[in-house]
Each structure stands twice: as C-alpha cells, then as structure tokens.
PDB file of N, CA and C in Angstrom:
ATOM      1  N   MET A   1      72.111  62.561 115.250  1.00  0.00           N
ATOM      2  CA  MET A   1      72.455  63.506 114.228  1.00  0.00           C
ATOM      3  C   MET A   1      73.156  64.694 114.890  1.00  0.00           C
ATOM      4  N   GLU A   2      74.295  65.046 114.353  1.00  0.00           N
ATOM      5  CA  GLU A   2      75.038  66.186 114.877  1.00  0.00           C
ATOM      6  C   GLU A   2      74.538  67.471 114.239  1.00  0.00           C
ATOM      7  N   LEU A   3      74.545  68.524 115.038  1.00  0.00           N
ATOM      8  CA  LEU A   3      74.121  69.835 114.548  1.00  0.00           C
ATOM      9  C   LEU A   3      75.308  70.570 113.956  1.00  0.00           C
ATOM     10  N   ASP A   4      75.093  71.226 112.834  1.00  0.00           N
ATOM     11  CA  ASP A   4      76.128  72.038 112.214  1.00  0.00           C
ATOM     12  C   ASP A   4      76.164  73.380 112.926  1.00  0.00           C
ATOM     13  N   PRO A   5      77.277  73.724 113.561  1.00  0.00           N
ATOM     14  CA  PRO A   5      77.350  74.991 114.290  1.00  0.00           C
ATOM     15  C   PRO A   5      76.993  76.210 113.434  1.00  0.00           C
ATOM     16  N   ALA A   6      77.316  76.169 112.154  1.00  0.00           N
ATOM     17  CA  ALA A   6      76.983  77.300 111.279  1.00  0.00           C
ATOM     18  C   ALA A   6      75.471  77.460 111.145  1.00  0.00           C
ATOM     19  N   ASP A   7      74.753  76.344 111.078  1.00  0.00           N
ATOM     20  CA  ASP A   7      73.297  76.390 110.994  1.00  0.00           C
ATOM     21  C   ASP A   7      72.664  76.851 112.309  1.00  0.00           C
ATOM     22  N   MET A   8      73.386  76.649 113.390  1.00  0.00           N
ATOM     23  CA  MET A   8      72.832  76.922 114.720  1.00  0.00           C
ATOM     24  C   MET A   8      73.147  78.332 115.237  1.00  0.00           C
ATOM     25  N   THR A   9      73.839  79.150 114.469  1.00  0.00           N
ATOM     26  CA  THR A   9      74.180  80.504 114.925  1.00  0.00           C
ATOM     27  C   THR A   9      72.948  81.299 115.356  1.00  0.00           C
ATOM     28  N   PRO A  10      71.870  81.319 114.568  1.00  0.00           N
ATOM     29  CA  PRO A  10      70.680  82.049 115.027  1.00  0.00           C
ATOM     30  C   PRO A  10      70.083  81.466 116.315  1.00  0.00           C
ATOM     31  N   VAL A  11      70.164  80.156 116.456  1.00  0.00           N
ATOM     32  CA  VAL A  11      69.641  79.515 117.665  1.00  0.00           C
ATOM     33  C   VAL A  11      70.485  79.908 118.872  1.00  0.00           C
ATOM     34  N   VAL A  12      71.795  79.882 118.708  1.00  0.00           N
ATOM     35  CA  VAL A  12      72.694  80.274 119.797  1.00  0.00           C
ATOM     36  C   VAL A  12      72.424  81.724 120.192  1.00  0.00           C
ATOM     37  N   ASN A  13      72.236  82.596 119.205  1.00  0.00           N
ATOM     38  CA  ASN A  13      71.946  83.997 119.497  1.00  0.00           C
ATOM     39  C   ASN A  13      70.636  84.134 120.272  1.00  0.00           C
ATOM     40  N   ARG A  14      69.626  83.381 119.868  1.00  0.00           N
ATOM     41  CA  ARG A  14      68.334  83.410 120.560  1.00  0.00           C
ATOM     42  C   ARG A  14      68.488  82.928 122.005  1.00  0.00           C
ATOM     43  N   LEU A  15      69.274  81.875 122.199  1.00  0.00           N
ATOM     44  CA  LEU A  15      69.483  81.345 123.548  1.00  0.00           C
ATOM     45  C   LEU A  15      70.252  82.332 124.426  1.00  0.00           C
ATOM     46  N   LYS A  16      71.196  83.042 123.830  1.00  0.00           N
ATOM     47  CA  LYS A  16      71.932  84.050 124.608  1.00  0.00           C
ATOM     48  C   LYS A  16      71.014  85.194 125.030  1.00  0.00           C
ATOM     49  N   ARG A  17      70.094  85.592 124.131  1.00  0.00           N
ATOM     50  CA  ARG A  17      69.120  86.625 124.500  1.00  0.00           C
ATOM     51  C   ARG A  17      68.213  86.123 125.612  1.00  0.00           C
ATOM     52  N   ALA A  18      67.790  84.867 125.511  1.00  0.00           N
ATOM     53  CA  ALA A  18      66.929  84.279 126.532  1.00  0.00           C
ATOM     54  C   ALA A  18      67.660  84.212 127.870  1.00  0.00           C
ATOM     55  N   GLN A  19      68.935  83.929 127.818  1.00  0.00           N
ATOM     56  CA  GLN A  19      69.744  83.881 129.036  1.00  0.00           C
ATOM     57  C   GLN A  19      69.761  85.257 129.712  1.00  0.00           C
ATOM     58  N   GLY A  20      69.918  86.302 128.911  1.00  0.00           N
ATOM     59  CA  GLY A  20      69.883  87.666 129.448  1.00  0.00           C
ATOM     60  C   GLY A  20      68.514  88.010 130.000  1.00  0.00           C
ATOM     61  N   GLN A  21      67.456  87.582 129.298  1.00  0.00           N
ATOM     62  CA  GLN A  21      66.100  87.837 129.781  1.00  0.00           C
ATOM     63  C   GLN A  21      65.854  87.115 131.100  1.00  0.00           C
ATOM     64  N   LEU A  22      66.344  85.888 131.213  1.00  0.00           N
ATOM     65  CA  LEU A  22      66.152  85.131 132.442  1.00  0.00           C
ATOM     66  C   LEU A  22      66.884  85.785 133.611  1.00  0.00           C
ATOM     67  N   ALA A  23      68.073  86.287 133.355  1.00  0.00           N
ATOM     68  CA  ALA A  23      68.803  87.015 134.404  1.00  0.00           C
ATOM     69  C   ALA A  23      68.019  88.249 134.832  1.00  0.00           C
ATOM     70  N   ALA A  24      67.388  88.912 133.872  1.00  0.00           N
ATOM     71  CA  ALA A  24      66.577  90.090 134.191  1.00  0.00           C
ATOM     72  C   ALA A  24      65.363  89.700 135.039  1.00  0.00           C
ATOM     73  N   VAL A  25      64.760  88.556 134.730  1.00  0.00           N
ATOM     74  CA  VAL A  25      63.614  88.083 135.519  1.00  0.00           C
ATOM     75  C   VAL A  25      64.049  87.815 136.955  1.00  0.00           C
ATOM     76  N   THR A  26      65.185  87.181 137.102  1.00  0.00           N
ATOM     77  CA  THR A  26      65.708  86.908 138.446  1.00  0.00           C
ATOM     78  C   THR A  26      65.908  88.212 139.221  1.00  0.00           C
ATOM     79  N   ARG A  27      66.493  89.203 138.561  1.00  0.00           N
ATOM     80  CA  ARG A  27      66.693  90.504 139.220  1.00  0.00           C
ATOM     81  C   ARG A  27      65.360  91.149 139.582  1.00  0.00           C
ATOM     82  N   MET A  28      64.396  91.036 138.687  1.00  0.00           N
ATOM     83  CA  MET A  28      63.075  91.609 138.950  1.00  0.00           C
ATOM     84  C   MET A  28      62.457  91.003 140.203  1.00  0.00           C
ATOM     85  N   ILE A  29      62.578  89.691 140.340  1.00  0.00           N
ATOM     86  CA  ILE A  29      62.031  89.017 141.520  1.00  0.00           C
ATOM     87  C   ILE A  29      62.781  89.458 142.771  1.00  0.00           C
ATOM     88  N   GLU A  30      64.109  89.494 142.676  1.00  0.00           N
ATOM     89  CA  GLU A  30      64.923  89.908 143.824  1.00  0.00           C
ATOM     90  C   GLU A  30      64.634  91.348 144.232  1.00  0.00           C
ATOM     91  N   ASP A  31      64.267  92.192 143.255  1.00  0.00           N
ATOM     92  CA  ASP A  31      63.959  93.594 143.539  1.00  0.00           C
ATOM     93  C   ASP A  31      62.506  93.796 143.955  1.00  0.00           C
ATOM     94  N   GLY A  32      61.727  92.718 143.972  1.00  0.00           N
ATOM     95  CA  GLY A  32      60.340  92.814 144.400  1.00  0.00           C
ATOM     96  C   GLY A  32      59.440  93.532 143.414  1.00  0.00           C
ATOM     97  N   GLN A  33      59.722  93.386 142.129  1.00  0.00           N
ATOM     98  CA  GLN A  33      58.912  94.073 141.123  1.00  0.00           C
ATOM     99  C   GLN A  33      57.536  93.440 140.979  1.00  0.00           C
ATOM    100  N   ASP A  34      56.703  94.125 140.242  1.00  0.00           N
ATOM    101  CA  ASP A  34      55.322  93.744 140.026  1.00  0.00           C
ATOM    102  C   ASP A  34      55.197  92.350 139.412  1.00  0.00           C
ATOM    103  N   CYS A  35      54.247  91.578 139.941  1.00  0.00           N
ATOM    104  CA  CYS A  35      54.006  90.205 139.486  1.00  0.00           C
ATOM    105  C   CYS A  35      53.723  90.149 137.984  1.00  0.00           C
ATOM    106  N   LYS A  36      52.895  91.050 137.490  1.00  0.00           N
ATOM    107  CA  LYS A  36      52.525  91.040 136.074  1.00  0.00           C
ATOM    108  C   LYS A  36      53.752  91.226 135.181  1.00  0.00           C
ATOM    109  N   ALA A  37      54.621  92.143 135.562  1.00  0.00           N
ATOM    110  CA  ALA A  37      55.833  92.395 134.776  1.00  0.00           C
ATOM    111  C   ALA A  37      56.753  91.181 134.791  1.00  0.00           C
ATOM    112  N   VAL A  38      56.880  90.533 135.940  1.00  0.00           N
ATOM    113  CA  VAL A  38      57.734  89.355 136.061  1.00  0.00           C
ATOM    114  C   VAL A  38      57.202  88.223 135.187  1.00  0.00           C
ATOM    115  N   VAL A  39      55.900  87.971 135.284  1.00  0.00           N
ATOM    116  CA  VAL A  39      55.303  86.879 134.507  1.00  0.00           C
ATOM    117  C   VAL A  39      55.396  87.169 133.008  1.00  0.00           C
ATOM    118  N   THR A  40      55.224  88.426 132.621  1.00  0.00           N
ATOM    119  CA  THR A  40      55.340  88.793 131.205  1.00  0.00           C
ATOM    120  C   THR A  40      56.745  88.490 130.688  1.00  0.00           C
ATOM    121  N   GLN A  41      57.751  88.860 131.449  1.00  0.00           N
ATOM    122  CA  GLN A  41      59.128  88.601 131.035  1.00  0.00           C
ATOM    123  C   GLN A  41      59.447  87.104 131.058  1.00  0.00           C
ATOM    124  N   LEU A  42      58.920  86.402 132.039  1.00  0.00           N
ATOM    125  CA  LEU A  42      59.131  84.963 132.115  1.00  0.00           C
ATOM    126  C   LEU A  42      58.497  84.261 130.918  1.00  0.00           C
ATOM    127  N   SER A  43      57.350  84.740 130.494  1.00  0.00           N
ATOM    128  CA  SER A  43      56.692  84.201 129.313  1.00  0.00           C
ATOM    129  C   SER A  43      57.552  84.417 128.068  1.00  0.00           C
ATOM    130  N   ALA A  44      58.171  85.572 127.970  1.00  0.00           N
ATOM    131  CA  ALA A  44      59.047  85.868 126.830  1.00  0.00           C
ATOM    132  C   ALA A  44      60.238  84.911 126.806  1.00  0.00           C
ATOM    133  N   VAL A  45      60.801  84.616 127.966  1.00  0.00           N
ATOM    134  CA  VAL A  45      61.923  83.673 128.044  1.00  0.00           C
ATOM    135  C   VAL A  45      61.463  82.288 127.586  1.00  0.00           C
ATOM    136  N   SER A  46      60.319  81.882 128.071  1.00  0.00           N
ATOM    137  CA  SER A  46      59.783  80.569 127.716  1.00  0.00           C
ATOM    138  C   SER A  46      59.564  80.449 126.208  1.00  0.00           C
ATOM    139  N   LYS A  47      59.003  81.477 125.609  1.00  0.00           N
ATOM    140  CA  LYS A  47      58.768  81.456 124.156  1.00  0.00           C
ATOM    141  C   LYS A  47      60.082  81.414 123.386  1.00  0.00           C
ATOM    142  N   ALA A  48      61.077  82.150 123.863  1.00  0.00           N
ATOM    143  CA  ALA A  48      62.380  82.151 123.196  1.00  0.00           C
ATOM    144  C   ALA A  48      63.006  80.756 123.237  1.00  0.00           C
ATOM    145  N   LEU A  49      62.896  80.087 124.372  1.00  0.00           N
ATOM    146  CA  LEU A  49      63.434  78.733 124.485  1.00  0.00           C
ATOM    147  C   LEU A  49      62.686  77.768 123.581  1.00  0.00           C
ATOM    148  N   ASP A  50      61.353  77.894 123.546  1.00  0.00           N
ATOM    149  CA  ASP A  50      60.559  77.040 122.656  1.00  0.00           C
ATOM    150  C   ASP A  50      60.954  77.243 121.206  1.00  0.00           C
ATOM    151  N   ARG A  51      61.116  78.480 120.809  1.00  0.00           N
ATOM    152  CA  ARG A  51      61.478  78.770 119.416  1.00  0.00           C
ATOM    153  C   ARG A  51      62.857  78.217 119.071  1.00  0.00           C
ATOM    154  N   ALA A  52      63.772  78.284 120.024  1.00  0.00           N
ATOM    155  CA  ALA A  52      65.100  77.706 119.790  1.00  0.00           C
ATOM    156  C   ALA A  52      64.978  76.195 119.590  1.00  0.00           C
ATOM    157  N   GLY A  53      64.180  75.566 120.422  1.00  0.00           N
ATOM    158  CA  GLY A  53      63.980  74.120 120.285  1.00  0.00           C
ATOM    159  C   GLY A  53      63.340  73.757 118.962  1.00  0.00           C
ATOM    160  N   PHE A  54      62.325  74.518 118.562  1.00  0.00           N
ATOM    161  CA  PHE A  54      61.659  74.243 117.289  1.00  0.00           C
ATOM    162  C   PHE A  54      62.614  74.457 116.117  1.00  0.00           C
ATOM    163  N   ALA A  55      63.485  75.453 116.219  1.00  0.00           N
ATOM    164  CA  ALA A  55      64.459  75.693 115.142  1.00  0.00           C
ATOM    165  C   ALA A  55      65.427  74.519 115.026  1.00  0.00           C
ATOM    166  N   ILE A  56      65.824  73.957 116.157  1.00  0.00           N
ATOM    167  CA  ILE A  56      66.718  72.800 116.135  1.00  0.00           C
ATOM    168  C   ILE A  56      66.014  71.606 115.487  1.00  0.00           C
ATOM    169  N   ILE A  57      64.770  71.391 115.870  1.00  0.00           N
ATOM    170  CA  ILE A  57      64.010  70.282 115.295  1.00  0.00           C
ATOM    171  C   ILE A  57      63.795  70.488 113.796  1.00  0.00           C
ATOM    172  N   ALA A  58      63.480  71.723 113.392  1.00  0.00           N
ATOM    173  CA  ALA A  58      63.282  72.008 111.970  1.00  0.00           C
ATOM    174  C   ALA A  58      64.545  71.719 111.174  1.00  0.00           C
ATOM    175  N   THR A  59      65.687  72.072 111.729  1.00  0.00           N
ATOM    176  CA  THR A  59      66.955  71.790 111.060  1.00  0.00           C
ATOM    177  C   THR A  59      67.159  70.284 110.930  1.00  0.00           C
ATOM    178  N   SER A  60      66.827  69.558 111.982  1.00  0.00           N
ATOM    179  CA  SER A  60      66.951  68.099 111.944  1.00  0.00           C
ATOM    180  C   SER A  60      66.017  67.504 110.903  1.00  0.00           C
ATOM    181  N   MET A  61      64.793  68.033 110.832  1.00  0.00           N
ATOM    182  CA  MET A  61      63.837  67.530 109.844  1.00  0.00           C
ATOM    183  C   MET A  61      64.349  67.780 108.426  1.00  0.00           C
ATOM    184  N   GLU A  62      64.910  68.957 108.218  1.00  0.00           N
ATOM    185  CA  GLU A  62      65.437  69.292 106.899  1.00  0.00           C
ATOM    186  C   GLU A  62      66.559  68.324 106.518  1.00  0.00           C
ATOM    187  N   LYS A  63      67.439  68.038 107.465  1.00  0.00           N
ATOM    188  CA  LYS A  63      68.542  67.115 107.191  1.00  0.00           C
ATOM    189  C   LYS A  63      68.020  65.709 106.925  1.00  0.00           C
ATOM    190  N   CYS A  64      66.960  65.329 107.635  1.00  0.00           N
ATOM    191  CA  CYS A  64      66.375  64.001 107.413  1.00  0.00           C
ATOM    192  C   CYS A  64      65.801  63.883 106.003  1.00  0.00           C
ATOM    193  N   LEU A  65      65.232  64.975 105.516  1.00  0.00           N
ATOM    194  CA  LEU A  65      64.661  64.950 104.175  1.00  0.00           C
ATOM    195  C   LEU A  65      65.734  64.901 103.098  1.00  0.00           C
ATOM    196  N   THR A  66      66.842  65.568 103.350  1.00  0.00           N
ATOM    197  CA  THR A  66      67.897  65.615 102.341  1.00  0.00           C
ATOM    198  C   THR A  66      68.880  64.448 102.457  1.00  0.00           C
ATOM    199  N   SER A  67      69.015  63.889 103.661  1.00  0.00           N
ATOM    200  CA  SER A  67      69.922  62.747 103.886  1.00  0.00           C
ATOM    201  C   SER A  67      69.262  61.764 104.843  1.00  0.00           C
ATOM    202  N   PRO A  68      68.258  61.032 104.393  1.00  0.00           N
ATOM    203  CA  PRO A  68      67.500  60.162 105.292  1.00  0.00           C
ATOM    204  C   PRO A  68      68.338  59.108 106.008  1.00  0.00           C
ATOM    205  N   ASP A  69      69.438  58.701 105.414  1.00  0.00           N
ATOM    206  CA  ASP A  69      70.268  57.674 106.036  1.00  0.00           C
ATOM    207  C   ASP A  69      71.077  58.201 107.221  1.00  0.00           C
ATOM    208  N   GLN A  70      71.182  59.524 107.362  1.00  0.00           N
ATOM    209  CA  GLN A  70      71.979  60.114 108.441  1.00  0.00           C
ATOM    210  C   GLN A  70      71.133  60.757 109.537  1.00  0.00           C
ATOM    211  N   GLY A  71      69.839  60.805 109.348  1.00  0.00           N
ATOM    212  CA  GLY A  71      68.999  61.541 110.277  1.00  0.00           C
ATOM    213  C   GLY A  71      68.276  60.671 111.272  1.00  0.00           C
ATOM    214  N   LEU A  72      67.377  61.311 111.984  1.00  0.00           N
ATOM    215  CA  LEU A  72      66.509  60.634 112.936  1.00  0.00           C
ATOM    216  C   LEU A  72      65.318  60.057 112.183  1.00  0.00           C
ATOM    217  N   ASP A  73      64.753  59.002 112.729  1.00  0.00           N
ATOM    218  CA  ASP A  73      63.560  58.472 112.076  1.00  0.00           C
ATOM    219  C   ASP A  73      62.331  59.277 112.515  1.00  0.00           C
ATOM    220  N   LYS A  74      61.215  58.982 111.882  1.00  0.00           N
ATOM    221  CA  LYS A  74      59.990  59.738 112.112  1.00  0.00           C
ATOM    222  C   LYS A  74      59.582  59.724 113.590  1.00  0.00           C
ATOM    223  N   LYS A  75      59.667  58.579 114.225  1.00  0.00           N
ATOM    224  CA  LYS A  75      59.280  58.461 115.640  1.00  0.00           C
ATOM    225  C   LYS A  75      60.161  59.332 116.524  1.00  0.00           C
ATOM    226  N   GLU A  76      61.460  59.333 116.255  1.00  0.00           N
ATOM    227  CA  GLU A  76      62.388  60.139 117.060  1.00  0.00           C
ATOM    228  C   GLU A  76      62.102  61.627 116.894  1.00  0.00           C
ATOM    229  N   LEU A  77      61.851  62.058 115.655  1.00  0.00           N
ATOM    230  CA  LEU A  77      61.525  63.462 115.410  1.00  0.00           C
ATOM    231  C   LEU A  77      60.210  63.842 116.082  1.00  0.00           C
ATOM    232  N   GLU A  78      59.233  62.961 116.004  1.00  0.00           N
ATOM    233  CA  GLU A  78      57.947  63.224 116.644  1.00  0.00           C
ATOM    234  C   GLU A  78      58.122  63.352 118.159  1.00  0.00           C
ATOM    235  N   LYS A  79      58.911  62.485 118.740  1.00  0.00           N
ATOM    236  CA  LYS A  79      59.168  62.540 120.179  1.00  0.00           C
ATOM    237  C   LYS A  79      59.839  63.860 120.557  1.00  0.00           C
ATOM    238  N   LEU A  80      60.823  64.281 119.772  1.00  0.00           N
ATOM    239  CA  LEU A  80      61.484  65.558 120.036  1.00  0.00           C
ATOM    240  C   LEU A  80      60.503  66.725 119.941  1.00  0.00           C
ATOM    241  N   PHE A  81      59.708  66.708 118.892  1.00  0.00           N
ATOM    242  CA  PHE A  81      58.725  67.778 118.686  1.00  0.00           C
ATOM    243  C   PHE A  81      57.747  67.833 119.857  1.00  0.00           C
ATOM    244  N   LEU A  82      57.227  66.696 120.250  1.00  0.00           N
ATOM    245  CA  LEU A  82      56.249  66.667 121.333  1.00  0.00           C
ATOM    246  C   LEU A  82      56.844  67.026 122.678  1.00  0.00           C
ATOM    247  N   SER A  83      58.148  66.841 122.836  1.00  0.00           N
ATOM    248  CA  SER A  83      58.776  67.216 124.102  1.00  0.00           C
ATOM    249  C   SER A  83      58.716  68.726 124.330  1.00  0.00           C
ATOM    250  N   LEU A  84      58.531  69.498 123.256  1.00  0.00           N
ATOM    251  CA  LEU A  84      58.427  70.953 123.378  1.00  0.00           C
ATOM    252  C   LEU A  84      56.976  71.431 123.441  1.00  0.00           C
ATOM    253  N   ALA A  85      56.048  70.547 123.166  1.00  0.00           N
ATOM    254  CA  ALA A  85      54.637  70.928 123.136  1.00  0.00           C
ATOM    255  C   ALA A  85      54.062  71.086 124.534  1.00  0.00           C
TER     256      ALA A  85
END
C-alpha cells in the first residue's frame, strides 16, 4: 500500500523534529553533558519515532477499512504494529 504524501505531512514534520532532537543528543554526548539529560532527550527521540510509526500504521489501517482490496491484510498490519512494540 502506498502512502499518500498529503496524509503523511504531520508524520514527516514529526520525523524532522526527531532528526533535530537526535542531532542535539549527539552534540550533548560530544560535549560531555550529563547522562540524565542525554537519556531524557534520547527517550524523547525514541517516542517521536514510535509515534510516527504508529501514525503510519493507523493511516494504513484506515485505508484497509475503507478500501480492503487495496490494503494490507490483518496479519501484515499486525506484524507492522508489533514491529514497533
């Protein structure tokens, strides 16, 4: 199933923010910053990536419900969902 770029704009924006956060984490490590601060920021990046993945899966599920002949089957969606768990 192909993703509609218009539907994915919020996901792309979230991924771009996560990319900036990850660059900040890298700088924090290179600058020798506090472990707690680094892990906190790394956790935020991880959550942002998870949310982007879940948004993609939710969009796919919605398309499957509205156009079952064009979407992924239940097993494929379950596999995608569990890959983020």
